[in-house]
Amino acid sequence: MSSLKSDRVLFFSAILLAVLFVYLQPSFAYADFEGSLRNVKTQISTVFLPAMAVIGLLLASFSFLTGNPNSKQHITYALVGAAVGFGAQAIIDFMSNAIR
């Protein structure tokens, strides 16, 4: 990996960690363990995963527009990721109802 590429990965990883810290921190006024886990699950499934799905779709479309030979594969992965990202809450609800 080139130095510039690793610097970019490090930069975007730091930004991602900062965003996760801000959005996923539990509310300390209601600091019970189950409530904190529920809050984290809700934030991940309603905010983080759909946002990552949109970013993936944007990157895949940019790959297609620039003529990348792997753009079909990128679009396929982005569509699968978007289906999981936008359907995360439904998947979680289905799994929790199936377990009960």
Protein backbone atom coordinates (compact mmCIF):
# COMPACT_ATOMS: atom_id res chain seq x y z
CA MET A 1 0.00 0.00 0.00
CA SER A 2 1.41 3.38 -0.91
CA SER A 3 2.02 5.99 1.73
CA LEU A 4 -0.66 8.33 0.37
CA LYS A 5 -3.23 5.55 0.29
CA SER A 6 -2.45 4.45 3.86
CA ASP A 7 -2.67 8.08 5.02
CA ARG A 8 -6.12 8.37 3.44
CA VAL A 9 -7.26 5.12 5.03
CA LEU A 10 -5.99 6.31 8.42
CA PHE A 11 -7.71 9.68 7.99
CA PHE A 12 -11.07 8.18 7.01
CA SER A 13 -10.79 5.59 9.79
CA ALA A 14 -10.27 8.38 12.33
CA ILE A 15 -13.29 10.27 10.97
CA LEU A 16 -15.39 7.09 11.11
CA LEU A 17 -14.37 6.45 14.73
CA ALA A 18 -15.22 10.03 15.67
CA VAL A 19 -18.66 9.74 14.06
CA LEU A 20 -19.28 6.41 15.77
CA PHE A 21 -18.27 7.89 19.12
CA VAL A 22 -20.67 10.81 18.74
CA TYR A 23 -23.66 8.80 17.49
CA LEU A 24 -23.27 5.62 19.52
CA GLN A 25 -22.49 6.94 22.97
CA PRO A 26 -25.22 5.98 25.43
CA SER A 27 -27.32 8.49 27.24
CA PHE A 28 -25.85 8.68 30.74
CA ALA A 29 -29.10 9.84 32.36
CA TYR A 30 -30.55 6.37 31.69
CA ALA A 31 -27.39 4.36 32.16
CA ASP A 32 -28.84 0.86 32.38
CA PHE A 33 -27.06 -1.81 30.38
CA GLU A 34 -30.05 -3.01 28.34
CA GLY A 35 -31.06 0.54 27.46
CA SER A 36 -27.53 1.29 26.32
CA LEU A 37 -27.45 -1.79 24.12
CA ARG A 38 -30.85 -0.90 22.70
CA ASN A 39 -29.63 2.62 21.96
CA VAL A 40 -26.52 1.31 20.20
CA LYS A 41 -28.60 -1.14 18.15
CA THR A 42 -31.03 1.59 17.16
CA GLN A 43 -28.30 4.03 16.18
CA ILE A 44 -26.45 1.42 14.12
CA SER A 45 -29.54 0.14 12.33
CA THR A 46 -31.25 3.48 11.69
CA VAL A 47 -28.36 5.91 11.19
CA PHE A 48 -25.03 4.25 10.57
CA LEU A 49 -25.90 1.39 8.20
CA PRO A 50 -28.14 3.45 5.87
CA ALA A 51 -25.49 6.18 5.74
CA MET A 52 -22.81 3.64 4.83
CA ALA A 53 -25.16 2.18 2.19
CA VAL A 54 -25.57 5.59 0.57
CA ILE A 55 -21.81 6.19 0.65
CA GLY A 56 -21.23 2.77 -0.93
CA LEU A 57 -23.73 3.52 -3.68
CA LEU A 58 -22.08 6.86 -4.35
CA LEU A 59 -18.62 5.30 -4.56
CA ALA A 60 -19.89 2.53 -6.85
CA SER A 61 -21.56 5.05 -9.15
CA PHE A 62 -18.39 7.12 -9.21
CA SER A 63 -16.49 3.96 -10.13
CA PHE A 64 -18.95 3.34 -12.97
CA LEU A 65 -18.75 6.93 -14.23
CA THR A 66 -14.95 6.92 -14.28
CA GLY A 67 -14.89 3.74 -16.36
CA ASN A 68 -13.36 1.38 -13.81
CA PRO A 69 -13.34 -2.16 -15.25
CA ASN A 70 -14.55 -3.55 -11.88
CA SER A 71 -17.51 -1.17 -11.69
CA LYS A 72 -20.13 -3.91 -12.20
CA GLN A 73 -18.74 -5.77 -9.21
CA HIS A 74 -18.67 -2.55 -7.16
CA ILE A 75 -22.30 -1.81 -8.03
CA THR A 76 -23.33 -5.37 -7.14
CA TYR A 77 -21.62 -5.12 -3.76
CA ALA A 78 -23.11 -1.68 -3.16
CA LEU A 79 -26.64 -2.91 -3.94
CA VAL A 80 -26.26 -5.89 -1.60
CA GLY A 81 -24.86 -3.56 1.07
CA ALA A 82 -27.71 -1.11 0.55
CA ALA A 83 -30.27 -3.90 0.90
CA VAL A 84 -28.69 -4.96 4.18
CA GLY A 85 -28.15 -1.36 5.34
CA PHE A 86 -31.67 -0.14 4.66
CA GLY A 87 -33.27 -3.41 5.75
CA ALA A 88 -31.23 -3.77 8.94
CA GLN A 89 -34.04 -2.81 11.29
CA ALA A 90 -36.45 -5.25 9.61
CA ILE A 91 -33.82 -8.00 9.75
CA ILE A 92 -33.21 -7.34 13.46
CA ASP A 93 -36.95 -7.30 14.22
CA PHE A 94 -37.47 -10.55 12.30
CA MET A 95 -34.63 -12.29 14.11
CA SER A 96 -35.74 -11.10 17.55
CA ASN A 97 -39.33 -12.23 16.90
CA ALA A 98 -38.12 -15.62 15.65
CA ILE A 99 -36.08 -16.16 18.84
CA ARG A 100 -38.88 -15.24 21.27
